[in-house]
Amino acid sequence: MVFLNLLTFGLWGKVGRLAHYAFDAVLISAFLAGMKRSTGLTPSFKKEALTENKDINHWIDKYLGVGEWVMDQSVAIAGSSSWFERKR
């Protein structure tokens, strides 16, 4: 393991940390998507109050869209699984 660490100049630790932060960001985005679906509450990202930069607004929309996609996929997988059942 030390040899691999020397060969990659310690990049595996940095890649692991980056993957951890990315996973946490997706979890937060999915949590916000679930909150939006179950209660109708959404984060108040008013375009004028947050920033006027169109690129940042675009990335915020894409970030929240990832959470929606993760939520859709999770519901689809849980719906097709025998471990979950719908109760209304």
C-alpha atoms as a PDB file:
ATOM      1  CA  MET A   1       0.000   0.000   0.000  1.00  0.00           C
ATOM      2  CA  VAL A   2       2.870   2.356   0.754  1.00  0.00           C
ATOM      3  CA  PHE A   3       4.369   1.575  -2.657  1.00  0.00           C
ATOM      4  CA  LEU A   4       1.067   2.422  -4.384  1.00  0.00           C
ATOM      5  CA  ASN A   5       0.871   5.643  -2.404  1.00  0.00           C
ATOM      6  CA  LEU A   6       4.383   6.561  -3.505  1.00  0.00           C
ATOM      7  CA  LEU A   7       3.599   5.778  -7.147  1.00  0.00           C
ATOM      8  CA  THR A   8       0.480   7.939  -7.212  1.00  0.00           C
ATOM      9  CA  PHE A   9       1.939  10.733  -5.054  1.00  0.00           C
ATOM     10  CA  GLY A  10      -0.868  10.294  -2.515  1.00  0.00           C
ATOM     11  CA  LEU A  11      -3.639  10.869  -5.061  1.00  0.00           C
ATOM     12  CA  TRP A  12      -5.782   7.959  -3.817  1.00  0.00           C
ATOM     13  CA  GLY A  13      -6.459   9.794  -0.576  1.00  0.00           C
ATOM     14  CA  LYS A  14      -7.438  12.920  -2.471  1.00  0.00           C
ATOM     15  CA  VAL A  15      -9.679  10.969  -4.870  1.00  0.00           C
ATOM     16  CA  GLY A  16     -11.377   9.291  -1.905  1.00  0.00           C
ATOM     17  CA  ARG A  17     -11.966  12.626  -0.208  1.00  0.00           C
ATOM     18  CA  LEU A  18     -13.353  14.113  -3.428  1.00  0.00           C
ATOM     19  CA  ALA A  19     -15.684  11.122  -3.882  1.00  0.00           C
ATOM     20  CA  HIS A  20     -16.851  11.517  -0.280  1.00  0.00           C
ATOM     21  CA  TYR A  21     -17.654  15.220  -0.787  1.00  0.00           C
ATOM     22  CA  ALA A  22     -19.451  14.482  -4.064  1.00  0.00           C
ATOM     23  CA  PHE A  23     -21.545  11.763  -2.399  1.00  0.00           C
ATOM     24  CA  ASP A  24     -22.427  14.137   0.445  1.00  0.00           C
ATOM     25  CA  ALA A  25     -23.454  16.834  -2.043  1.00  0.00           C
ATOM     26  CA  VAL A  26     -25.733  14.376  -3.870  1.00  0.00           C
ATOM     27  CA  LEU A  27     -27.291  13.286  -0.567  1.00  0.00           C
ATOM     28  CA  ILE A  28     -28.047  16.895   0.372  1.00  0.00           C
ATOM     29  CA  SER A  29     -29.543  17.537  -3.063  1.00  0.00           C
ATOM     30  CA  ALA A  30     -31.687  14.383  -2.821  1.00  0.00           C
ATOM     31  CA  PHE A  31     -32.812  15.411   0.664  1.00  0.00           C
ATOM     32  CA  LEU A  32     -33.925  18.788  -0.702  1.00  0.00           C
ATOM     33  CA  ALA A  33     -35.770  17.047  -3.557  1.00  0.00           C
ATOM     34  CA  GLY A  34     -37.544  14.745  -1.097  1.00  0.00           C
ATOM     35  CA  MET A  35     -38.501  17.691   1.064  1.00  0.00           C
ATOM     36  CA  LYS A  36     -39.906  19.451  -1.989  1.00  0.00           C
ATOM     37  CA  ARG A  37     -41.996  16.425  -2.954  1.00  0.00           C
ATOM     38  CA  SER A  38     -43.361  15.599   0.472  1.00  0.00           C
ATOM     39  CA  THR A  39     -44.050  19.109   1.793  1.00  0.00           C
ATOM     40  CA  GLY A  40     -43.850  21.441  -1.185  1.00  0.00           C
ATOM     41  CA  LEU A  41     -41.100  23.456   0.524  1.00  0.00           C
ATOM     42  CA  THR A  42     -38.188  24.452  -1.656  1.00  0.00           C
ATOM     43  CA  PRO A  43     -35.008  26.394  -0.919  1.00  0.00           C
ATOM     44  CA  SER A  44     -35.522  30.091  -1.502  1.00  0.00           C
ATOM     45  CA  PHE A  45     -32.953  30.722  -4.198  1.00  0.00           C
ATOM     46  CA  LYS A  46     -34.286  33.974  -5.554  1.00  0.00           C
ATOM     47  CA  LYS A  47     -32.334  34.711  -8.680  1.00  0.00           C
ATOM     48  CA  GLU A  48     -31.770  38.372  -7.797  1.00  0.00           C
ATOM     49  CA  ALA A  49     -30.879  37.803  -4.150  1.00  0.00           C
ATOM     50  CA  LEU A  50     -28.379  34.986  -4.661  1.00  0.00           C
ATOM     51  CA  THR A  51     -26.441  36.164  -7.667  1.00  0.00           C
ATOM     52  CA  GLU A  52     -26.979  37.735 -11.044  1.00  0.00           C
ATOM     53  CA  ASN A  53     -24.403  35.480 -12.661  1.00  0.00           C
ATOM     54  CA  LYS A  54     -26.216  33.239 -15.141  1.00  0.00           C
ATOM     55  CA  ASP A  55     -23.560  30.525 -14.921  1.00  0.00           C
ATOM     56  CA  ILE A  56     -23.947  30.141 -11.154  1.00  0.00           C
ATOM     57  CA  ASN A  57     -27.740  30.071 -11.470  1.00  0.00           C
ATOM     58  CA  HIS A  58     -27.388  27.397 -14.147  1.00  0.00           C
ATOM     59  CA  TRP A  59     -25.163  25.267 -11.885  1.00  0.00           C
ATOM     60  CA  ILE A  60     -27.561  25.630  -8.952  1.00  0.00           C
ATOM     61  CA  ASP A  61     -30.417  24.436 -11.167  1.00  0.00           C
ATOM     62  CA  LYS A  62     -28.313  21.497 -12.371  1.00  0.00           C
ATOM     63  CA  TYR A  63     -27.328  20.630  -8.783  1.00  0.00           C
ATOM     64  CA  LEU A  64     -30.945  20.561  -7.638  1.00  0.00           C
ATOM     65  CA  GLY A  65     -31.838  18.596 -10.779  1.00  0.00           C
ATOM     66  CA  VAL A  66     -29.361  15.890  -9.757  1.00  0.00           C
ATOM     67  CA  GLY A  67     -31.257  15.522  -6.495  1.00  0.00           C
ATOM     68  CA  GLU A  68     -34.539  15.191  -8.378  1.00  0.00           C
ATOM     69  CA  TRP A  69     -33.017  12.511 -10.622  1.00  0.00           C
ATOM     70  CA  VAL A  70     -31.606  10.588  -7.648  1.00  0.00           C
ATOM     71  CA  MET A  71     -34.999  10.775  -5.953  1.00  0.00           C
ATOM     72  CA  ASP A  72     -36.753   9.510  -9.127  1.00  0.00           C
ATOM     73  CA  GLN A  73     -34.347   6.587  -9.458  1.00  0.00           C
ATOM     74  CA  SER A  74     -34.620   5.701  -5.771  1.00  0.00           C
ATOM     75  CA  VAL A  75     -38.410   5.657  -5.929  1.00  0.00           C
ATOM     76  CA  ALA A  76     -38.342   3.549  -9.113  1.00  0.00           C
ATOM     77  CA  ILE A  77     -35.967   1.006  -7.596  1.00  0.00           C
ATOM     78  CA  ALA A  78     -37.892   0.844  -4.322  1.00  0.00           C
ATOM     79  CA  GLY A  79     -41.191   0.529  -6.209  1.00  0.00           C
ATOM     80  CA  SER A  80     -39.972  -2.464  -8.175  1.00  0.00           C
ATOM     81  CA  SER A  81     -38.467  -4.149  -5.123  1.00  0.00           C
ATOM     82  CA  SER A  82     -40.359  -6.689  -3.061  1.00  0.00           C
ATOM     83  CA  TRP A  83     -38.891  -5.169   0.102  1.00  0.00           C
ATOM     84  CA  PHE A  84     -41.154  -2.100  -0.173  1.00  0.00           C
ATOM     85  CA  GLU A  85     -44.909  -1.746  -0.503  1.00  0.00           C
ATOM     86  CA  ARG A  86     -47.167   1.227  -1.076  1.00  0.00           C
ATOM     87  CA  LYS A  87     -49.521   2.231   1.707  1.00  0.00           C
ATOM     88  CA  ARG A  88     -51.945   5.052   0.990  1.00  0.00           C
END
